Amino acid sequence: MAFRSIEWIEDKGVLRLIDQTRLPDTLVYLDLTDEHAICDAIRDMKVRGAPAIGVAAAYAIVAAAKRSKAESLKDLREDLRAADNSLRASRPTAVNLFWALDRMARVIGAATSMKSLRTSVLAEARAIEAEDVAVNQAISRYAMEVVPQRATFFHHCNTGSLATVDLGTALGVIRTAHESGHEVFAYLDETRPRLQGAKLSAWELMQYGVPHAVIVDGAAPHIMRTKGADLCVVGCDRVAANGDTANKIGTYALALAAKDNGVPFYVCAPTSTIDMTTQTGECIEIETRDEGEITHINAVRVAAKGAGVYNPAFDVTPARLISGIITEFGIAKPPFEDSLMRIMKDKHDGK
């Protein structure tokens, strides 16, 4: 079953999203008409995945521009600045959020009238959406260079169509390999505490008929050693200039297991997630989330009442554990300081 995780419907002035908190049991679409509702959907992870968050934020600005009652260009810009500030505070680790909002801010600053501003923010949001689709397709094309004909994958969290506009990044690589005739099997980390691997990635691969097995996060090292694997593919929310990457909590542990078992570990990263102003992973702000994500599963308490909780949403995988970073401009390999610089230069030069 083909599906679209995020879509702007212009004639209704709504952003239509799959509510990912309702999957896998129920497929529910949300029609959101204002920036506050979209901001809440990002914060509450009804929409999630760095690329999808960026696209949702861009359309939140469009919604704010449509909804604003401002009577001057200056006041309209003020309304959009307030929306921008709220959106930036919603998920601090995902750099795509800031990248998309920075693009929208440049368009807002260049507008010469209220009409041109509203027209240009919609055009820019649509461009960001279309670019995401093209970027993911390019990532999968480059990834096929390192995927063998018979490929056993390990994957963490969810990086497929639900996390992007369409194909996905790392899960998109698995799907592309399957659809290209490779003999594919994927082990999916359940991805505690929100279980995106079990709830979302397994649901996606079922839609496309990709053979897979959900495993508990801590089983990955044992399964790699006893069953074997050809490669790990994961997404990321931010890449530092030295190649350190921030991704869903548990990615670092998977990378350590891969290193110990001689399994190549690849990060699939649109260049929009590469932050050359962040020198190392130590500089990346790590979001912490509500303790209820750990103490409860589907609103059912699983931890002792009153137990202490610490809930970081992301971790940083050091560059030394990464075999390559697959982008829409090719595969960056160690030393990442050099290869990432070359890729970002190719992007700047339009190559």
Protein backbone atom coordinates (compact mmCIF):
# COMPACT_ATOMS: atom_id res chain seq x y z
CA MET A 1 0.00 0.00 0.00
CA ALA A 2 1.44 3.35 -1.04
CA PHE A 3 0.86 6.25 1.33
CA ARG A 4 1.90 9.88 1.83
CA SER A 5 2.92 10.86 5.35
CA ILE A 6 2.61 14.61 4.81
CA GLU A 7 0.72 16.71 2.26
CA TRP A 8 -0.36 20.34 1.93
CA ILE A 9 -3.89 20.73 0.54
CA GLU A 10 -4.03 24.27 -0.77
CA ASP A 11 -7.74 24.55 -1.54
CA LYS A 12 -8.53 23.62 2.07
CA GLY A 13 -5.57 25.40 3.62
CA VAL A 14 -4.63 22.35 5.70
CA LEU A 15 -1.56 20.25 6.32
CA ARG A 16 -2.58 16.59 6.23
CA LEU A 17 -0.42 14.30 8.35
CA ILE A 18 -0.50 10.68 9.36
CA ASP A 19 -0.79 10.62 13.15
CA GLN A 20 2.17 8.35 13.86
CA THR A 21 1.19 7.94 17.50
CA ARG A 22 -1.85 5.91 16.36
CA LEU A 23 0.12 3.42 14.26
CA PRO A 24 0.27 0.49 13.74
CA ASP A 25 -3.27 -0.23 14.92
CA THR A 26 -5.05 2.68 13.27
CA LEU A 27 -4.23 4.78 10.20
CA VAL A 28 -5.48 8.26 11.08
CA TYR A 29 -4.93 11.44 9.06
CA LEU A 30 -4.89 14.81 10.79
CA ASP A 31 -5.94 17.99 8.98
CA LEU A 32 -4.14 20.87 10.71
CA THR A 33 -5.01 24.45 9.84
CA ASP A 34 -2.74 26.59 12.01
CA GLU A 35 0.88 26.81 13.11
CA HIS A 36 0.07 26.05 16.76
CA ALA A 37 -1.50 22.69 15.92
CA ILE A 38 1.43 21.82 13.62
CA CYS A 39 3.92 22.83 16.32
CA ASP A 40 2.11 20.60 18.83
CA ALA A 41 2.13 17.72 16.30
CA ILE A 42 5.91 18.07 15.98
CA ARG A 43 6.46 18.27 19.73
CA ASP A 44 4.12 15.34 20.44
CA MET A 45 5.73 13.25 17.67
CA LYS A 46 2.53 12.88 15.69
CA VAL A 47 4.88 13.86 12.88
CA ARG A 48 8.50 12.80 13.36
CA GLY A 49 11.68 12.10 11.45
CA ALA A 50 14.05 14.95 10.68
CA PRO A 51 13.02 15.49 7.01
CA ALA A 52 9.29 15.32 7.78
CA ILE A 53 9.73 17.73 10.68
CA GLY A 54 11.44 20.22 8.36
CA VAL A 55 8.65 20.01 5.78
CA ALA A 56 5.96 20.29 8.46
CA ALA A 57 7.65 23.38 9.90
CA ALA A 58 7.78 25.00 6.46
CA TYR A 59 4.06 24.47 5.99
CA ALA A 60 3.42 25.76 9.51
CA ILE A 61 4.81 29.08 8.30
CA VAL A 62 2.49 28.90 5.28
CA ALA A 63 -0.45 28.26 7.59
CA ALA A 64 0.57 31.16 9.83
CA ALA A 65 0.77 33.47 6.82
CA LYS A 66 -2.70 32.42 5.63
CA ARG A 67 -4.21 32.77 9.10
CA SER A 68 -2.61 36.09 10.06
CA LYS A 69 -4.92 39.10 10.39
CA ALA A 70 -2.02 41.53 9.93
CA GLU A 71 -2.78 44.65 7.91
CA SER A 72 0.80 45.51 7.01
CA LEU A 73 3.89 43.66 5.77
CA LYS A 74 5.71 44.57 8.97
CA ASP A 75 2.98 43.10 11.18
CA LEU A 76 2.76 39.98 9.03
CA ARG A 77 6.48 39.44 9.45
CA GLU A 78 6.05 39.81 13.22
CA ASP A 79 3.34 37.16 13.24
CA LEU A 80 5.60 34.80 11.28
CA ARG A 81 8.54 35.53 13.56
CA ALA A 82 6.44 34.44 16.54
CA ALA A 83 5.49 31.22 14.73
CA ASP A 84 9.15 30.65 13.85
CA ASN A 85 10.21 30.99 17.49
CA SER A 86 7.62 28.47 18.68
CA LEU A 87 8.60 25.96 16.01
CA ARG A 88 12.32 26.25 16.79
CA ALA A 89 11.63 25.33 20.42
CA SER A 90 9.62 22.20 19.54
CA ARG A 91 12.45 19.70 18.79
CA PRO A 92 15.98 21.07 19.43
CA THR A 93 18.13 18.21 18.06
CA ALA A 94 16.82 17.84 14.49
CA VAL A 95 18.78 20.29 12.34
CA ASN A 96 16.30 19.97 9.45
CA LEU A 97 13.83 21.96 11.53
CA PHE A 98 16.18 24.93 11.67
CA TRP A 99 17.35 24.48 8.08
CA ALA A 100 13.78 24.64 6.78
CA LEU A 101 12.86 27.60 8.98
CA ASP A 102 16.00 29.46 7.90
CA ARG A 103 14.96 28.99 4.27
CA MET A 104 11.48 30.27 5.03
CA ALA A 105 12.93 33.26 6.92
CA ARG A 106 15.03 34.27 3.91
CA VAL A 107 11.94 34.22 1.71
CA ILE A 108 9.99 36.25 4.26
CA GLY A 109 12.77 38.81 4.43
CA ALA A 110 12.89 39.19 0.65
CA ALA A 111 9.15 39.75 0.17
CA THR A 112 8.06 43.21 -0.95
CA SER A 113 4.34 42.93 -0.21
CA MET A 114 1.93 40.87 1.84
CA LYS A 115 0.70 39.14 -1.30
CA SER A 116 4.19 38.28 -2.51
CA LEU A 117 5.13 37.01 0.95
CA ARG A 118 2.19 34.61 1.09
CA THR A 119 2.88 33.42 -2.46
CA SER A 120 6.60 32.97 -1.90
CA VAL A 121 6.36 31.06 1.40
CA LEU A 122 4.01 28.54 -0.22
CA ALA A 123 6.38 28.16 -3.18
CA GLU A 124 9.36 27.65 -0.85
CA ALA A 125 7.56 25.05 1.26
CA ARG A 126 6.58 23.16 -1.87
CA ALA A 127 10.21 23.31 -3.03
CA ILE A 128 11.42 21.89 0.29
CA GLU A 129 8.86 19.09 -0.02
CA ALA A 130 9.83 18.23 -3.61
CA GLU A 131 13.54 18.35 -2.79
CA ASP A 132 13.03 15.84 0.01
CA VAL A 133 11.57 13.31 -2.41
CA ALA A 134 14.41 13.79 -4.91
CA VAL A 135 17.08 13.68 -2.18
CA ASN A 136 15.81 10.39 -0.78
CA GLN A 137 15.76 8.81 -4.22
CA ALA A 138 19.37 9.92 -4.78
CA ILE A 139 20.47 8.53 -1.39
CA SER A 140 19.05 5.13 -2.30
CA ARG A 141 20.78 5.17 -5.69
CA TYR A 142 24.17 5.82 -4.09
CA ALA A 143 23.49 3.26 -1.36
CA MET A 144 23.13 0.48 -3.94
CA GLU A 145 26.91 0.79 -4.45
CA VAL A 146 27.45 -0.85 -1.04
CA VAL A 147 24.44 -3.20 -0.84
CA PRO A 148 25.25 -6.79 -1.90
CA GLN A 149 22.81 -8.88 -3.94
CA ARG A 150 21.96 -10.89 -0.83
CA ALA A 151 21.72 -8.39 2.00
CA THR A 152 20.88 -8.81 5.67
CA PHE A 153 20.32 -5.36 7.18
CA PHE A 154 20.12 -3.99 10.69
CA HIS A 155 18.04 -0.85 11.15
CA HIS A 156 17.19 1.37 14.12
CA CYS A 157 14.15 3.59 14.71
CA ASN A 158 12.09 4.61 11.65
CA THR A 159 13.56 6.35 8.63
CA GLY A 160 11.09 5.46 5.91
CA SER A 161 8.12 7.12 4.26
CA LEU A 162 6.72 8.09 7.64
CA ALA A 163 9.88 10.01 8.57
CA THR A 164 10.10 11.85 5.25
CA VAL A 165 7.76 12.95 2.49
CA ASP A 166 7.86 9.74 0.50
CA LEU A 167 10.60 7.08 0.12
CA GLY A 168 12.68 7.57 3.23
CA THR A 169 16.41 7.50 3.95
CA ALA A 170 17.80 4.32 5.56
CA LEU A 171 14.55 2.36 5.42
CA GLY A 172 14.16 3.67 1.88
CA VAL A 173 17.48 1.99 1.06
CA ILE A 174 16.12 -1.34 2.32
CA ARG A 175 12.92 -0.89 0.34
CA THR A 176 14.81 0.15 -2.81
CA ALA A 177 17.09 -2.88 -2.56
CA HIS A 178 14.05 -5.14 -2.23
CA GLU A 179 12.25 -3.52 -5.16
CA SER A 180 15.44 -3.68 -7.26
CA GLY A 181 15.57 -7.47 -7.01
CA HIS A 182 18.03 -7.90 -4.14
CA GLU A 183 17.43 -10.76 -1.74
CA VAL A 184 16.75 -8.69 1.37
CA PHE A 185 16.12 -9.39 5.04
CA ALA A 186 15.97 -6.68 7.70
CA TYR A 187 16.35 -6.91 11.47
CA LEU A 188 14.45 -3.99 13.00
CA ASP A 189 15.42 -2.78 16.47
CA GLU A 190 12.20 -2.19 18.41
CA THR A 191 13.68 1.21 19.44
CA ARG A 192 12.69 1.90 23.01
CA PRO A 193 11.16 3.89 24.51
CA ARG A 194 8.65 4.89 21.79
CA LEU A 195 9.05 1.68 19.77
CA GLN A 196 9.32 3.34 16.36
CA GLY A 197 11.02 0.25 14.96
CA ALA A 198 8.33 -2.15 16.12
CA LYS A 199 5.36 0.14 15.50
CA LEU A 200 6.41 2.10 12.41
CA SER A 201 9.26 0.44 10.51
CA ALA A 202 7.67 -3.01 10.69
CA TRP A 203 4.34 -1.53 9.56
CA GLU A 204 6.05 0.13 6.58
CA LEU A 205 7.95 -2.97 5.48
CA MET A 206 4.74 -4.98 5.73
CA GLN A 207 3.09 -2.56 3.29
CA TYR A 208 5.86 -3.22 0.75
CA GLY A 209 6.33 -6.94 1.36
CA VAL A 210 9.91 -6.69 2.66
CA PRO A 211 11.01 -9.71 4.78
CA HIS A 212 11.95 -8.60 8.30
CA ALA A 213 12.00 -9.43 12.01
CA VAL A 214 11.52 -7.08 14.94
CA ILE A 215 14.10 -7.60 17.69
CA VAL A 216 14.58 -6.05 21.11
CA ASP A 217 17.30 -3.42 21.04
CA GLY A 218 19.65 -5.39 23.26
CA ALA A 219 19.49 -8.46 20.99
CA ALA A 220 21.32 -6.85 18.08
CA PRO A 221 24.89 -7.79 19.15
CA HIS A 222 23.90 -11.41 19.77
CA ILE A 223 22.08 -11.70 16.43
CA MET A 224 24.94 -10.07 14.51
CA ARG A 225 27.38 -12.55 16.02
CA THR A 226 25.25 -15.67 15.64
CA LYS A 227 23.18 -14.99 12.53
CA GLY A 228 25.46 -12.62 10.63
CA ALA A 229 24.75 -9.33 8.89
CA ASP A 230 25.96 -7.49 5.81
CA LEU A 231 25.42 -3.90 6.89
CA CYS A 232 23.64 -1.54 9.26
CA VAL A 233 21.79 1.45 7.84
CA VAL A 234 20.41 4.20 10.06
CA GLY A 235 19.22 7.75 9.63
CA CYS A 236 20.26 10.77 11.65
CA ASP A 237 19.03 14.10 12.93
CA ARG A 238 22.34 15.96 12.75
CA VAL A 239 25.83 15.35 11.37
CA ALA A 240 28.71 17.34 12.84
CA ALA A 241 31.61 18.57 10.71
CA ASN A 242 33.85 15.73 11.96
CA GLY A 243 31.30 13.02 11.06
CA ASP A 244 29.83 12.44 14.52
CA THR A 245 26.09 11.86 14.12
CA ALA A 246 23.13 12.35 16.45
CA ASN A 247 20.30 9.87 16.02
CA LYS A 248 17.60 8.12 18.02
CA ILE A 249 18.81 6.79 21.36
CA GLY A 250 20.26 3.31 20.91
CA THR A 251 22.07 4.06 17.64
CA TYR A 252 25.43 4.36 19.42
CA ALA A 253 25.00 0.90 20.94
CA LEU A 254 24.14 -0.57 17.53
CA ALA A 255 27.26 1.04 16.04
CA LEU A 256 29.43 -0.45 18.80
CA ALA A 257 27.96 -3.89 18.13
CA ALA A 258 28.58 -3.49 14.40
CA LYS A 259 32.20 -2.47 14.98
CA ASP A 260 32.85 -5.45 17.24
CA ASN A 261 31.32 -7.84 14.71
CA GLY A 262 32.95 -6.34 11.60
CA VAL A 263 29.64 -5.17 10.13
CA PRO A 264 29.77 -1.98 8.01
CA PHE A 265 27.77 0.84 9.60
CA TYR A 266 26.25 3.44 7.26
CA VAL A 267 24.40 6.64 8.12
CA CYS A 268 21.91 7.90 5.51
CA ALA A 269 21.87 11.67 5.72
CA PRO A 270 20.45 14.34 3.43
CA THR A 271 22.90 17.22 3.27
CA SER A 272 20.26 19.30 5.06
CA THR A 273 21.19 17.33 8.21
CA ILE A 274 24.91 18.12 7.86
CA ASP A 275 25.80 21.02 10.14
CA MET A 276 29.30 22.21 9.30
CA THR A 277 29.04 24.88 12.03
CA THR A 278 28.88 22.14 14.68
CA GLN A 279 32.43 20.90 15.02
CA THR A 280 31.81 17.64 16.93
CA GLY A 281 28.99 15.62 18.40
CA GLU A 282 29.82 17.00 21.84
CA CYS A 283 28.34 20.32 20.68
CA ILE A 284 24.94 18.86 19.72
CA GLU A 285 22.08 19.61 22.11
CA ILE A 286 20.40 16.37 23.13
CA GLU A 287 16.65 16.56 23.71
CA THR A 288 15.30 14.98 26.89
CA ARG A 289 11.67 13.91 26.97
CA ASP A 290 8.91 13.09 29.42
CA GLU A 291 9.52 10.25 31.88
CA GLY A 292 6.17 8.72 30.96
CA GLU A 293 7.67 7.47 27.68
CA ILE A 294 9.78 5.06 29.76
CA THR A 295 7.45 4.28 32.67
CA HIS A 296 4.46 3.55 30.41
CA ILE A 297 3.84 1.69 27.14
CA ASN A 298 0.57 2.57 25.42
CA ALA A 299 -0.57 4.26 28.66
CA VAL A 300 0.06 1.08 30.69
CA ARG A 301 2.59 1.44 33.52
CA VAL A 302 5.53 -0.96 33.20
CA ALA A 303 7.94 0.63 35.69
CA ALA A 304 7.63 0.71 39.45
CA LYS A 305 5.63 3.70 40.62
CA GLY A 306 7.98 6.42 41.81
CA ALA A 307 11.04 4.99 40.02
CA GLY A 308 13.60 7.58 38.92
CA VAL A 309 13.77 8.15 35.17
CA TYR A 310 16.20 9.77 32.74
CA ASN A 311 15.01 9.92 29.12
CA PRO A 312 17.46 11.30 26.51
CA ALA A 313 15.83 11.05 23.09
CA PHE A 314 19.08 10.89 21.09
CA ASP A 315 22.68 9.79 21.36
CA VAL A 316 25.82 10.61 19.38
CA THR A 317 27.64 7.96 17.36
CA PRO A 318 31.34 8.87 17.05
CA ALA A 319 32.72 9.14 13.52
CA ARG A 320 35.25 6.38 14.25
CA LEU A 321 32.38 3.84 14.24
CA ILE A 322 30.88 4.96 10.92
CA SER A 323 31.86 3.32 7.62
CA GLY A 324 30.23 5.96 5.45
CA ILE A 325 27.64 8.73 5.37
CA ILE A 326 25.37 8.30 2.36
CA THR A 327 24.08 11.60 0.97
CA GLU A 328 22.34 12.73 -2.20
CA PHE A 329 25.77 13.83 -3.49
CA GLY A 330 27.56 10.55 -2.86
CA ILE A 331 29.04 8.58 0.02
CA ALA A 332 31.32 10.42 2.43
CA LYS A 333 34.01 8.19 3.91
CA PRO A 334 36.69 8.73 6.56
CA PRO A 335 38.30 11.14 7.13
CA PHE A 336 34.93 12.85 7.29
CA GLU A 337 36.34 16.32 7.82
CA ASP A 338 37.55 16.17 4.21
CA SER A 339 34.80 14.14 2.55
CA LEU A 340 31.93 16.10 4.11
CA MET A 341 33.58 19.34 3.07
CA ARG A 342 33.82 18.06 -0.52
CA ILE A 343 30.17 16.99 -0.53
CA MET A 344 28.99 20.31 0.82
CA LYS A 345 31.10 22.07 -1.81
CA ASP A 346 29.49 19.93 -4.53
CA LYS A 347 26.10 20.92 -3.16
CA HIS A 348 27.05 24.59 -3.18
CA ASP A 349 28.39 24.31 -6.73
CA GLY A 350 25.27 22.46 -7.90
CA LYS A 351 27.16 19.36 -9.04
